[in-house]
Amino acid sequence: MAAPPQLRGLLLAVNALLRKRRYHTALAVLKGFRNGAVLREKLRAILQATYTHSSNLACFVFTYKALCALQSYLQGETHQVHSFLAGCIGGFLVFKENNNINSQINMYLLSRVLFALCRLGVEKGYIPEPKWDPFPLFTALVWGLVLWLFEYHRPTLQPSLQSSMTYLYEDSNVWHDISDFLIYNKSRPSK
C-alpha cells in the first residue's frame, strides 16, 4: 500500500532537512537525546543477567553468614573483623570471575563504599565536616572525568560503558534520513 502523496512529500521535505549541513549540530543534539531515551529490546540478556546477579548474591549471603557464624562460634563472641574477613572470603569465592555482572556489582559497591568511608571519616573527625553540600561538585567531576576519558582515553573505560557512550555521543552524529534519525540508530541494510 503506497503512502498518500502528502505523507510522501512530508517525508521528502524532512529527509532533505536532515541532510542539510547547516542544521547538523542542532539535529545531532536531538538525536543524542533520542538515543538516550530509546530502550532496546534485550529481554534474554536482561533475564540472564538478573539470574546470574541473584544467584551470585544468594551464594554470597550464604557464605558470608556461615563464615560470620563460624568465626563467632570459634571465638565465643562477635568481633568487627569477622564481617570484614567473611566479606573478603565470600567476595573472593563468589565474585572473583571478571565478567560484566561481577564488574557492575563491584563498581556499584565501590562507589557506595567510598561514600560511606568519607562519611565515616567525617564522623570520626578525620575529615572536616563540609560547610556546603559537596554533591554538585562530585557530580561535575565524575561527569567531566568520564567524558574526558571517553574522548581521549577510551580504552581505559569498561567496554559496556564505552559502548553506551558511543551510542549516546557518537552514533547521534550520524543519520541519512528520518528512519535512522528517529526510528533506528543506524541505517538498516537494503534488501
Protein backbone atom coordinates (compact mmCIF):
# COMPACT_ATOMS: atom_id res chain seq x y z
CA MET A 1 0.00 0.00 0.00
CA ALA A 2 1.54 3.28 -1.10
CA ALA A 3 1.73 6.27 1.21
CA PRO A 4 -0.54 9.24 0.38
CA PRO A 5 1.17 11.98 -1.65
CA GLN A 6 1.03 14.43 1.28
CA LEU A 7 2.93 11.97 3.53
CA ARG A 8 5.49 11.22 0.82
CA GLY A 9 6.01 14.97 0.32
CA LEU A 10 6.43 15.50 4.05
CA LEU A 11 8.97 12.64 4.28
CA LEU A 12 10.93 14.07 1.34
CA ALA A 13 10.98 17.51 2.98
CA VAL A 14 12.05 16.11 6.38
CA ASN A 15 14.78 13.95 4.78
CA ALA A 16 16.05 16.97 2.82
CA LEU A 17 16.19 19.00 6.04
CA LEU A 18 18.07 16.19 7.80
CA ARG A 19 20.73 16.19 5.07
CA LYS A 20 21.49 19.93 5.36
CA ARG A 21 24.88 20.51 6.99
CA ARG A 22 23.64 23.83 8.37
CA TYR A 23 21.37 22.04 10.87
CA HIS A 24 23.70 19.11 11.64
CA THR A 25 24.81 20.29 15.11
CA ALA A 26 21.29 21.01 16.37
CA LEU A 27 19.99 17.76 14.89
CA ALA A 28 22.89 15.80 16.44
CA VAL A 29 21.81 17.18 19.83
CA LEU A 30 18.25 15.98 19.17
CA LYS A 31 19.38 12.54 18.01
CA GLY A 32 21.63 12.26 21.09
CA PHE A 33 18.57 12.94 23.24
CA ARG A 34 16.62 10.32 21.28
CA ASN A 35 19.41 7.75 21.71
CA GLY A 36 19.39 8.40 25.45
CA ALA A 37 15.64 7.83 25.65
CA VAL A 38 15.32 4.71 23.46
CA LEU A 39 15.07 1.37 25.24
CA ARG A 40 16.36 -1.51 23.18
CA GLU A 41 14.82 -4.95 23.36
CA LYS A 42 17.26 -7.20 25.21
CA LEU A 43 14.94 -9.34 27.25
CA ARG A 44 17.01 -12.56 27.15
CA ALA A 45 20.21 -10.77 28.20
CA ILE A 46 18.35 -8.95 30.98
CA LEU A 47 16.85 -12.18 32.30
CA GLN A 48 20.22 -13.97 32.18
CA ALA A 49 21.95 -11.07 33.94
CA THR A 50 19.20 -10.97 36.58
CA TYR A 51 19.54 -14.71 37.21
CA THR A 52 23.34 -14.51 37.47
CA HIS A 53 23.13 -11.47 39.74
CA SER A 54 20.57 -13.03 42.08
CA SER A 55 22.30 -16.43 42.27
CA ASN A 56 25.66 -14.76 42.98
CA LEU A 57 24.07 -12.69 45.74
CA ALA A 58 22.39 -15.77 47.20
CA CYS A 59 25.70 -17.67 47.27
CA PHE A 60 27.49 -14.68 48.76
CA VAL A 61 24.92 -14.14 51.53
CA PHE A 62 25.04 -17.84 52.43
CA THR A 63 28.85 -17.84 52.51
CA TYR A 64 29.09 -14.56 54.42
CA LYS A 65 26.57 -15.53 57.10
CA ALA A 66 28.07 -19.01 57.51
CA LEU A 67 31.60 -17.60 57.89
CA CYS A 68 30.45 -14.95 60.38
CA ALA A 69 28.65 -17.62 62.43
CA LEU A 70 31.67 -19.94 62.30
CA GLN A 71 34.08 -17.22 63.49
CA SER A 72 31.71 -16.18 66.25
CA TYR A 73 31.31 -19.79 67.36
CA LEU A 74 35.06 -20.45 67.35
CA GLN A 75 35.91 -17.28 69.29
CA GLY A 76 32.90 -17.33 71.58
CA GLU A 77 31.89 -13.78 70.63
CA THR A 78 31.47 -11.50 67.63
CA HIS A 79 34.13 -9.00 66.51
CA GLN A 80 34.07 -6.34 63.76
CA VAL A 81 36.86 -8.11 61.93
CA HIS A 82 34.56 -11.12 61.42
CA SER A 83 32.43 -9.13 58.97
CA PHE A 84 35.50 -7.94 57.09
CA LEU A 85 37.07 -11.41 56.82
CA ALA A 86 33.81 -13.12 55.88
CA GLY A 87 33.17 -10.40 53.26
CA CYS A 88 36.69 -10.80 51.81
CA ILE A 89 36.46 -14.59 51.60
CA GLY A 90 32.89 -14.58 50.29
CA GLY A 91 33.70 -11.87 47.76
CA PHE A 92 36.71 -13.82 46.52
CA LEU A 93 34.82 -17.09 46.26
CA VAL A 94 31.67 -15.73 44.62
CA PHE A 95 32.64 -12.58 42.70
CA LYS A 96 36.24 -13.30 41.62
CA GLU A 97 35.41 -14.03 37.96
CA ASN A 98 35.99 -10.91 35.86
CA ASN A 99 32.72 -10.74 33.94
CA ASN A 100 30.20 -7.99 33.18
CA ILE A 101 27.85 -8.85 36.05
CA ASN A 102 30.54 -9.04 38.73
CA SER A 103 32.24 -5.96 37.35
CA GLN A 104 29.00 -3.95 37.57
CA ILE A 105 28.30 -5.17 41.11
CA ASN A 106 31.82 -4.38 42.28
CA MET A 107 31.84 -0.91 40.68
CA TYR A 108 28.47 -0.17 42.26
CA LEU A 109 29.75 -1.29 45.65
CA LEU A 110 32.99 0.67 45.27
CA SER A 111 31.11 3.92 44.79
CA ARG A 112 28.94 3.18 47.85
CA VAL A 113 31.98 2.18 49.94
CA LEU A 114 33.86 5.37 49.03
CA PHE A 115 30.87 7.49 50.02
CA ALA A 116 30.50 5.58 53.29
CA LEU A 117 34.22 5.87 54.09
CA CYS A 118 34.04 9.64 53.54
CA ARG A 119 31.06 9.85 55.88
CA LEU A 120 32.85 7.69 58.44
CA GLY A 121 35.91 9.92 58.13
CA VAL A 122 33.75 12.97 58.92
CA GLU A 123 32.01 11.13 61.77
CA LYS A 124 35.34 10.14 63.33
CA GLY A 125 36.85 13.60 62.80
CA TYR A 126 39.48 12.55 60.25
CA ILE A 127 37.83 14.69 57.57
CA PRO A 128 36.38 18.12 58.41
CA GLU A 129 32.62 18.50 58.12
CA PRO A 130 31.85 20.17 54.76
CA LYS A 131 30.36 23.64 55.12
CA TRP A 132 28.32 23.12 51.92
CA ASP A 133 26.87 20.16 50.07
CA PRO A 134 29.76 18.60 48.08
CA PHE A 135 27.44 16.54 45.85
CA PRO A 136 27.18 19.08 42.97
CA LEU A 137 31.00 19.28 42.81
CA PHE A 138 31.26 15.49 42.97
CA THR A 139 28.74 15.19 40.12
CA ALA A 140 30.58 17.72 37.98
CA LEU A 141 33.92 15.95 38.50
CA VAL A 142 32.52 12.47 37.76
CA TRP A 143 30.85 13.58 34.51
CA GLY A 144 33.80 15.70 33.46
CA LEU A 145 36.23 12.85 34.07
CA VAL A 146 34.15 10.18 32.35
CA LEU A 147 33.68 12.28 29.23
CA TRP A 148 37.36 13.27 29.14
CA LEU A 149 38.29 9.59 29.45
CA PHE A 150 35.77 8.67 26.74
CA GLU A 151 37.04 11.32 24.31
CA TYR A 152 40.79 10.92 24.91
CA HIS A 153 41.50 7.65 26.75
CA ARG A 154 38.59 5.44 25.71
CA PRO A 155 40.31 2.02 26.14
CA THR A 156 40.62 2.70 29.88
CA LEU A 157 36.83 2.60 30.29
CA GLN A 158 34.90 -0.61 30.78
CA PRO A 159 33.64 -1.97 27.41
CA SER A 160 29.94 -1.65 28.29
CA LEU A 161 30.46 1.99 29.28
CA GLN A 162 32.38 2.63 26.06
CA SER A 163 29.53 1.07 24.08
CA SER A 164 26.85 3.12 25.86
CA MET A 165 28.80 6.34 25.43
CA THR A 166 29.49 5.62 21.75
CA TYR A 167 25.76 5.08 21.25
CA LEU A 168 24.88 8.32 23.05
CA TYR A 169 27.61 10.69 21.91
CA GLU A 170 28.89 9.42 18.55
CA ASP A 171 26.06 7.48 16.93
CA SER A 172 23.87 10.56 17.46
CA ASN A 173 26.08 12.48 15.00
CA VAL A 174 25.21 10.22 12.02
CA TRP A 175 21.98 9.79 10.08
CA HIS A 176 20.85 9.57 6.47
CA ASP A 177 17.11 10.08 6.64
CA ILE A 178 14.21 10.03 9.08
CA SER A 179 14.42 6.25 9.56
CA ASP A 180 17.88 6.33 11.15
CA PHE A 181 17.35 9.75 12.72
CA LEU A 182 14.24 8.86 14.67
CA ILE A 183 13.36 5.16 14.43
CA TYR A 184 16.64 3.22 14.18
CA ASN A 185 20.03 4.23 15.45
CA LYS A 186 21.83 3.22 12.24
CA SER A 187 20.78 2.69 8.65
CA ARG A 188 19.18 -0.66 8.02
CA PRO A 189 20.71 -2.60 5.15
CA SER A 190 18.67 -2.59 1.93
CA LYS A 191 17.07 -5.88 0.98
